[in-house]
Amino acid sequence: MVKYDVKINVTYGCSAADFQSALNNFDGFRPFQISVVRNIYDGSNNSLSSLTGAARVDYVVSFYVLRAATYTT
């Protein structure tokens, strides 16, 4: 039996960097390079530049595996 217990708290609407930092606390993601983009929307799904008037915050997370140099030649 394997027990895995990691708890990370993030603040609603936190920055993409804070969200990415939280993900990096999970060792299962260590073989990957993580990229996070935060998108903020109002109630009509219009994109916003700040949390003022926000109805939804989305985080788009991408995971990348870096290939060894031998694969890139």
PDB file of N, CA and C in Angstrom:
ATOM      1  N   MET A   1       0.842  -1.180   0.000  1.00  0.00           N
ATOM      2  CA  MET A   1       0.000   0.000   0.000  1.00  0.00           C
ATOM      3  C   MET A   1       0.885   1.240   0.000  1.00  0.00           C
ATOM      4  N   VAL A   2       0.544   2.181  -0.852  1.00  0.00           N
ATOM      5  CA  VAL A   2       1.273   3.437  -0.933  1.00  0.00           C
ATOM      6  C   VAL A   2       0.359   4.546  -0.437  1.00  0.00           C
ATOM      7  N   LYS A   3       0.860   5.315   0.494  1.00  0.00           N
ATOM      8  CA  LYS A   3       0.088   6.441   1.004  1.00  0.00           C
ATOM      9  C   LYS A   3       0.735   7.715   0.484  1.00  0.00           C
ATOM     10  N   TYR A   4      -0.080   8.569  -0.101  1.00  0.00           N
ATOM     11  CA  TYR A   4       0.411   9.831  -0.656  1.00  0.00           C
ATOM     12  C   TYR A   4      -0.493  10.937  -0.150  1.00  0.00           C
ATOM     13  N   ASP A   5       0.053  11.856   0.597  1.00  0.00           N
ATOM     14  CA  ASP A   5      -0.760  12.904   1.188  1.00  0.00           C
ATOM     15  C   ASP A   5      -0.020  14.233   1.107  1.00  0.00           C
ATOM     16  N   VAL A   6      -0.401  15.041   0.141  1.00  0.00           N
ATOM     17  CA  VAL A   6       0.173  16.375  -0.001  1.00  0.00           C
ATOM     18  C   VAL A   6      -0.989  17.353  -0.049  1.00  0.00           C
ATOM     19  N   LYS A   7      -0.944  18.346   0.787  1.00  0.00           N
ATOM     20  CA  LYS A   7      -1.999  19.351   0.807  1.00  0.00           C
ATOM     21  C   LYS A   7      -1.382  20.706   0.510  1.00  0.00           C
ATOM     22  N   ILE A   8      -1.925  21.360  -0.488  1.00  0.00           N
ATOM     23  CA  ILE A   8      -1.456  22.680  -0.884  1.00  0.00           C
ATOM     24  C   ILE A   8      -2.661  23.604  -0.942  1.00  0.00           C
ATOM     25  N   ASN A   9      -2.578  24.732  -0.300  1.00  0.00           N
ATOM     26  CA  ASN A   9      -3.649  25.724  -0.358  1.00  0.00           C
ATOM     27  C   ASN A   9      -3.282  26.800  -1.365  1.00  0.00           C
ATOM     28  N   VAL A  10      -4.255  27.165  -2.180  1.00  0.00           N
ATOM     29  CA  VAL A  10      -4.076  28.285  -3.095  1.00  0.00           C
ATOM     30  C   VAL A  10      -5.217  29.266  -2.863  1.00  0.00           C
ATOM     31  N   THR A  11      -4.932  30.517  -3.016  1.00  0.00           N
ATOM     32  CA  THR A  11      -5.924  31.574  -2.852  1.00  0.00           C
ATOM     33  C   THR A  11      -6.722  31.717  -4.134  1.00  0.00           C
ATOM     34  N   TYR A  12      -8.035  31.904  -4.013  1.00  0.00           N
ATOM     35  CA  TYR A  12      -8.865  32.105  -5.196  1.00  0.00           C
ATOM     36  C   TYR A  12      -8.314  33.242  -6.036  1.00  0.00           C
ATOM     37  N   GLY A  13      -8.129  32.982  -7.312  1.00  0.00           N
ATOM     38  CA  GLY A  13      -7.637  34.006  -8.225  1.00  0.00           C
ATOM     39  C   GLY A  13      -6.142  34.234  -8.145  1.00  0.00           C
ATOM     40  N   CYS A  14      -5.414  33.349  -7.468  1.00  0.00           N
ATOM     41  CA  CYS A  14      -3.962  33.541  -7.339  1.00  0.00           C
ATOM     42  C   CYS A  14      -3.313  33.640  -8.720  1.00  0.00           C
ATOM     43  N   SER A  15      -2.132  34.168  -8.754  1.00  0.00           N
ATOM     44  CA  SER A  15      -1.430  34.347 -10.021  1.00  0.00           C
ATOM     45  C   SER A  15      -1.089  32.988 -10.635  1.00  0.00           C
ATOM     46  N   ALA A  16      -0.800  33.012 -11.926  1.00  0.00           N
ATOM     47  CA  ALA A  16      -0.385  31.788 -12.617  1.00  0.00           C
ATOM     48  C   ALA A  16       0.885  31.227 -11.983  1.00  0.00           C
ATOM     49  N   ALA A  17       1.799  32.105 -11.578  1.00  0.00           N
ATOM     50  CA  ALA A  17       3.051  31.662 -10.952  1.00  0.00           C
ATOM     51  C   ALA A  17       2.775  30.970  -9.615  1.00  0.00           C
ATOM     52  N   ASP A  18       1.838  31.488  -8.829  1.00  0.00           N
ATOM     53  CA  ASP A  18       1.492  30.854  -7.554  1.00  0.00           C
ATOM     54  C   ASP A  18       0.847  29.485  -7.776  1.00  0.00           C
ATOM     55  N   PHE A  19      -0.020  29.391  -8.789  1.00  0.00           N
ATOM     56  CA  PHE A  19      -0.669  28.124  -9.095  1.00  0.00           C
ATOM     57  C   PHE A  19       0.366  27.096  -9.561  1.00  0.00           C
ATOM     58  N   GLN A  20       1.290  27.542 -10.396  1.00  0.00           N
ATOM     59  CA  GLN A  20       2.360  26.665 -10.873  1.00  0.00           C
ATOM     60  C   GLN A  20       3.245  26.216  -9.707  1.00  0.00           C
ATOM     61  N   SER A  21       3.551  27.099  -8.819  1.00  0.00           N
ATOM     62  CA  SER A  21       4.349  26.756  -7.645  1.00  0.00           C
ATOM     63  C   SER A  21       3.648  25.693  -6.806  1.00  0.00           C
ATOM     64  N   ALA A  22       2.328  25.814  -6.654  1.00  0.00           N
ATOM     65  CA  ALA A  22       1.571  24.813  -5.905  1.00  0.00           C
ATOM     66  C   ALA A  22       1.666  23.453  -6.581  1.00  0.00           C
ATOM     67  N   LEU A  23       1.537  23.415  -7.895  1.00  0.00           N
ATOM     68  CA  LEU A  23       1.644  22.146  -8.623  1.00  0.00           C
ATOM     69  C   LEU A  23       3.028  21.523  -8.475  1.00  0.00           C
ATOM     70  N   ASN A  24       4.047  22.365  -8.419  1.00  0.00           N
ATOM     71  CA  ASN A  24       5.413  21.855  -8.296  1.00  0.00           C
ATOM     72  C   ASN A  24       5.670  21.182  -6.951  1.00  0.00           C
ATOM     73  N   ASN A  25       4.770  21.354  -5.988  1.00  0.00           N
ATOM     74  CA  ASN A  25       4.904  20.682  -4.698  1.00  0.00           C
ATOM     75  C   ASN A  25       4.541  19.198  -4.765  1.00  0.00           C
ATOM     76  N   PHE A  26       3.897  18.778  -5.845  1.00  0.00           N
ATOM     77  CA  PHE A  26       3.544  17.376  -6.030  1.00  0.00           C
ATOM     78  C   PHE A  26       4.677  16.692  -6.781  1.00  0.00           C
ATOM     79  N   ASP A  27       5.358  15.763  -6.123  1.00  0.00           N
ATOM     80  CA  ASP A  27       6.537  15.159  -6.734  1.00  0.00           C
ATOM     81  C   ASP A  27       6.224  14.354  -7.985  1.00  0.00           C
ATOM     82  N   GLY A  28       4.972  13.972  -8.207  1.00  0.00           N
ATOM     83  CA  GLY A  28       4.599  13.256  -9.420  1.00  0.00           C
ATOM     84  C   GLY A  28       4.774  14.091 -10.677  1.00  0.00           C
ATOM     85  N   PHE A  29       4.832  15.416 -10.521  1.00  0.00           N
ATOM     86  CA  PHE A  29       5.019  16.305 -11.663  1.00  0.00           C
ATOM     87  C   PHE A  29       6.483  16.612 -11.937  1.00  0.00           C
ATOM     88  N   ARG A  30       7.392  16.114 -11.132  1.00  0.00           N
ATOM     89  CA  ARG A  30       8.809  16.489 -11.256  1.00  0.00           C
ATOM     90  C   ARG A  30       9.451  16.155 -12.600  1.00  0.00           C
ATOM     91  N   PRO A  31       9.047  15.072 -13.289  1.00  0.00           N
ATOM     92  CA  PRO A  31       9.697  14.830 -14.581  1.00  0.00           C
ATOM     93  C   PRO A  31       9.236  15.807 -15.669  1.00  0.00           C
ATOM     94  N   PHE A  32       8.272  16.648 -15.344  1.00  0.00           N
ATOM     95  CA  PHE A  32       7.681  17.523 -16.349  1.00  0.00           C
ATOM     96  C   PHE A  32       8.028  18.991 -16.119  1.00  0.00           C
ATOM     97  N   GLN A  33       8.032  19.738 -17.214  1.00  0.00           N
ATOM     98  CA  GLN A  33       8.106  21.192 -17.156  1.00  0.00           C
ATOM     99  C   GLN A  33       6.655  21.672 -17.190  1.00  0.00           C
ATOM    100  N   ILE A  34       6.242  22.494 -16.245  1.00  0.00           N
ATOM    101  CA  ILE A  34       4.856  22.944 -16.145  1.00  0.00           C
ATOM    102  C   ILE A  34       4.749  24.393 -16.590  1.00  0.00           C
ATOM    103  N   SER A  35       3.703  24.662 -17.359  1.00  0.00           N
ATOM    104  CA  SER A  35       3.391  26.023 -17.778  1.00  0.00           C
ATOM    105  C   SER A  35       1.942  26.306 -17.393  1.00  0.00           C
ATOM    106  N   VAL A  36       1.680  27.477 -16.808  1.00  0.00           N
ATOM    107  CA  VAL A  36       0.327  27.833 -16.376  1.00  0.00           C
ATOM    108  C   VAL A  36      -0.030  29.218 -16.923  1.00  0.00           C
ATOM    109  N   VAL A  37      -1.245  29.320 -17.448  1.00  0.00           N
ATOM    110  CA  VAL A  37      -1.790  30.603 -17.899  1.00  0.00           C
ATOM    111  C   VAL A  37      -3.102  30.817 -17.155  1.00  0.00           C
ATOM    112  N   ARG A  38      -3.261  31.989 -16.561  1.00  0.00           N
ATOM    113  CA  ARG A  38      -4.502  32.323 -15.846  1.00  0.00           C
ATOM    114  C   ARG A  38      -5.373  33.184 -16.752  1.00  0.00           C
ATOM    115  N   ASN A  39      -6.646  32.810 -16.866  1.00  0.00           N
ATOM    116  CA  ASN A  39      -7.631  33.583 -17.624  1.00  0.00           C
ATOM    117  C   ASN A  39      -8.763  33.973 -16.682  1.00  0.00           C
ATOM    118  N   ILE A  40      -9.152  35.244 -16.737  1.00  0.00           N
ATOM    119  CA  ILE A  40     -10.185  35.776 -15.849  1.00  0.00           C
ATOM    120  C   ILE A  40     -11.357  36.240 -16.710  1.00  0.00           C
ATOM    121  N   TYR A  41     -12.592  35.864 -16.293  1.00  0.00           N
ATOM    122  CA  TYR A  41     -13.784  36.211 -17.065  1.00  0.00           C
ATOM    123  C   TYR A  41     -14.855  36.810 -16.175  1.00  0.00           C
ATOM    124  N   ASP A  42     -15.660  37.698 -16.760  1.00  0.00           N
ATOM    125  CA  ASP A  42     -16.820  38.224 -16.041  1.00  0.00           C
ATOM    126  C   ASP A  42     -18.013  37.307 -16.275  1.00  0.00           C
ATOM    127  N   GLY A  43     -19.189  37.679 -15.790  1.00  0.00           N
ATOM    128  CA  GLY A  43     -20.378  36.854 -15.905  1.00  0.00           C
ATOM    129  C   GLY A  43     -20.850  36.632 -17.332  1.00  0.00           C
ATOM    130  N   SER A  44     -20.408  37.473 -18.263  1.00  0.00           N
ATOM    131  CA  SER A  44     -20.771  37.326 -19.680  1.00  0.00           C
ATOM    132  C   SER A  44     -19.653  36.666 -20.489  1.00  0.00           C
ATOM    133  N   ASN A  45     -18.689  36.090 -19.802  1.00  0.00           N
ATOM    134  CA  ASN A  45     -17.528  35.438 -20.429  1.00  0.00           C
ATOM    135  C   ASN A  45     -16.617  36.391 -21.190  1.00  0.00           C
ATOM    136  N   ASN A  46     -16.628  37.655 -20.798  1.00  0.00           N
ATOM    137  CA  ASN A  46     -15.678  38.610 -21.356  1.00  0.00           C
ATOM    138  C   ASN A  46     -14.380  38.500 -20.575  1.00  0.00           C
ATOM    139  N   SER A  47     -13.275  38.543 -21.282  1.00  0.00           N
ATOM    140  CA  SER A  47     -11.965  38.455 -20.647  1.00  0.00           C
ATOM    141  C   SER A  47     -11.670  39.722 -19.857  1.00  0.00           C
ATOM    142  N   LEU A  48     -11.128  39.548 -18.653  1.00  0.00           N
ATOM    143  CA  LEU A  48     -10.763  40.675 -17.793  1.00  0.00           C
ATOM    144  C   LEU A  48      -9.264  40.652 -17.525  1.00  0.00           C
ATOM    145  N   SER A  49      -8.727  41.804 -17.175  1.00  0.00           N
ATOM    146  CA  SER A  49      -7.299  41.874 -16.855  1.00  0.00           C
ATOM    147  C   SER A  49      -7.033  41.859 -15.348  1.00  0.00           C
ATOM    148  N   SER A  50      -8.100  41.961 -14.544  1.00  0.00           N
ATOM    149  CA  SER A  50      -7.940  41.903 -13.088  1.00  0.00           C
ATOM    150  C   SER A  50      -9.107  41.116 -12.495  1.00  0.00           C
ATOM    151  N   LEU A  51      -9.033  40.841 -11.207  1.00  0.00           N
ATOM    152  CA  LEU A  51     -10.085  40.076 -10.539  1.00  0.00           C
ATOM    153  C   LEU A  51     -11.330  40.899 -10.230  1.00  0.00           C
ATOM    154  N   THR A  52     -11.263  42.214 -10.416  1.00  0.00           N
ATOM    155  CA  THR A  52     -12.412  43.080 -10.166  1.00  0.00           C
ATOM    156  C   THR A  52     -13.543  42.708 -11.115  1.00  0.00           C
ATOM    157  N   GLY A  53     -14.678  42.307 -10.569  1.00  0.00           N
ATOM    158  CA  GLY A  53     -15.829  41.913 -11.378  1.00  0.00           C
ATOM    159  C   GLY A  53     -15.734  40.502 -11.945  1.00  0.00           C
ATOM    160  N   ALA A  54     -14.763  39.724 -11.479  1.00  0.00           N
ATOM    161  CA  ALA A  54     -14.573  38.373 -12.013  1.00  0.00           C
ATOM    162  C   ALA A  54     -15.678  37.431 -11.553  1.00  0.00           C
ATOM    163  N   ALA A  55     -16.138  36.593 -12.476  1.00  0.00           N
ATOM    164  CA  ALA A  55     -17.105  35.544 -12.155  1.00  0.00           C
ATOM    165  C   ALA A  55     -16.448  34.171 -12.250  1.00  0.00           C
ATOM    166  N   ARG A  56     -15.340  34.090 -12.986  1.00  0.00           N
ATOM    167  CA  ARG A  56     -14.670  32.810 -13.183  1.00  0.00           C
ATOM    168  C   ARG A  56     -13.182  33.035 -13.428  1.00  0.00           C
ATOM    169  N   VAL A  57     -12.377  32.155 -12.867  1.00  0.00           N
ATOM    170  CA  VAL A  57     -10.933  32.165 -13.105  1.00  0.00           C
ATOM    171  C   VAL A  57     -10.554  30.769 -13.589  1.00  0.00           C
ATOM    172  N   ASP A  58      -9.955  30.703 -14.762  1.00  0.00           N
ATOM    173  CA  ASP A  58      -9.494  29.430 -15.322  1.00  0.00           C
ATOM    174  C   ASP A  58      -7.975  29.397 -15.298  1.00  0.00           C
ATOM    175  N   TYR A  59      -7.435  28.223 -15.035  1.00  0.00           N
ATOM    176  CA  TYR A  59      -5.991  28.004 -15.139  1.00  0.00           C
ATOM    177  C   TYR A  59      -5.767  26.948 -16.209  1.00  0.00           C
ATOM    178  N   VAL A  60      -5.062  27.319 -17.249  1.00  0.00           N
ATOM    179  CA  VAL A  60      -4.727  26.387 -18.322  1.00  0.00           C
ATOM    180  C   VAL A  60      -3.329  25.865 -18.014  1.00  0.00           C
ATOM    181  N   VAL A  61      -3.251  24.564 -17.761  1.00  0.00           N
ATOM    182  CA  VAL A  61      -1.990  23.947 -17.343  1.00  0.00           C
ATOM    183  C   VAL A  61      -1.480  23.041 -18.455  1.00  0.00           C
ATOM    184  N   SER A  62      -0.218  23.215 -18.811  1.00  0.00           N
ATOM    185  CA  SER A  62       0.436  22.364 -19.812  1.00  0.00           C
ATOM    186  C   SER A  62       1.617  21.672 -19.163  1.00  0.00           C
ATOM    187  N   PHE A  63       1.778  20.399 -19.494  1.00  0.00           N
ATOM    188  CA  PHE A  63       2.896  19.608 -18.994  1.00  0.00           C
ATOM    189  C   PHE A  63       3.770  19.213 -20.177  1.00  0.00           C
ATOM    190  N   TYR A  64       5.051  19.457 -20.060  1.00  0.00           N
ATOM    191  CA  TYR A  64       5.988  19.147 -21.129  1.00  0.00           C
ATOM    192  C   TYR A  64       7.057  18.203 -20.613  1.00  0.00           C
ATOM    193  N   VAL A  65       7.422  17.251 -21.456  1.00  0.00           N
ATOM    194  CA  VAL A  65       8.530  16.355 -21.139  1.00  0.00           C
ATOM    195  C   VAL A  65       9.681  16.748 -22.042  1.00  0.00           C
ATOM    196  N   LEU A  66      10.817  17.036 -21.448  1.00  0.00           N
ATOM    197  CA  LEU A  66      11.994  17.394 -22.236  1.00  0.00           C
ATOM    198  C   LEU A  66      12.680  16.122 -22.699  1.00  0.00           C
ATOM    199  N   ARG A  67      12.932  16.044 -23.983  1.00  0.00           N
ATOM    200  CA  ARG A  67      13.600  14.870 -24.539  1.00  0.00           C
ATOM    201  C   ARG A  67      15.110  15.005 -24.356  1.00  0.00           C
ATOM    202  N   ALA A  68      15.729  13.871 -24.272  1.00  0.00           N
ATOM    203  CA  ALA A  68      17.200  13.853 -24.197  1.00  0.00           C
ATOM    204  C   ALA A  68      17.762  14.398 -25.499  1.00  0.00           C
ATOM    205  N   ALA A  69      18.948  14.947 -25.452  1.00  0.00           N
ATOM    206  CA  ALA A  69      19.580  15.535 -26.630  1.00  0.00           C
ATOM    207  C   ALA A  69      19.692  14.541 -27.772  1.00  0.00           C
ATOM    208  N   THR A  70      19.826  13.260 -27.485  1.00  0.00           N
ATOM    209  CA  THR A  70      19.960  12.255 -28.529  1.00  0.00           C
ATOM    210  C   THR A  70      18.707  12.165 -29.408  1.00  0.00           C
ATOM    211  N   TYR A  71      17.548  12.550 -28.877  1.00  0.00           N
ATOM    212  CA  TYR A  71      16.314  12.503 -29.659  1.00  0.00           C
ATOM    213  C   TYR A  71      16.158  13.716 -30.562  1.00  0.00           C
ATOM    214  N   THR A  72      16.824  14.783 -30.293  1.00  0.00           N
ATOM    215  CA  THR A  72      16.658  16.007 -31.065  1.00  0.00           C
ATOM    216  C   THR A  72      17.574  16.099 -32.271  1.00  0.00           C
ATOM    217  N   THR A  73      18.461  15.163 -32.430  1.00  0.00           N
ATOM    218  CA  THR A  73      19.377  15.223 -33.578  1.00  0.00           C
ATOM    219  C   THR A  73      18.819  14.512 -34.780  1.00  0.00           C
TER     220      THR A  73
END
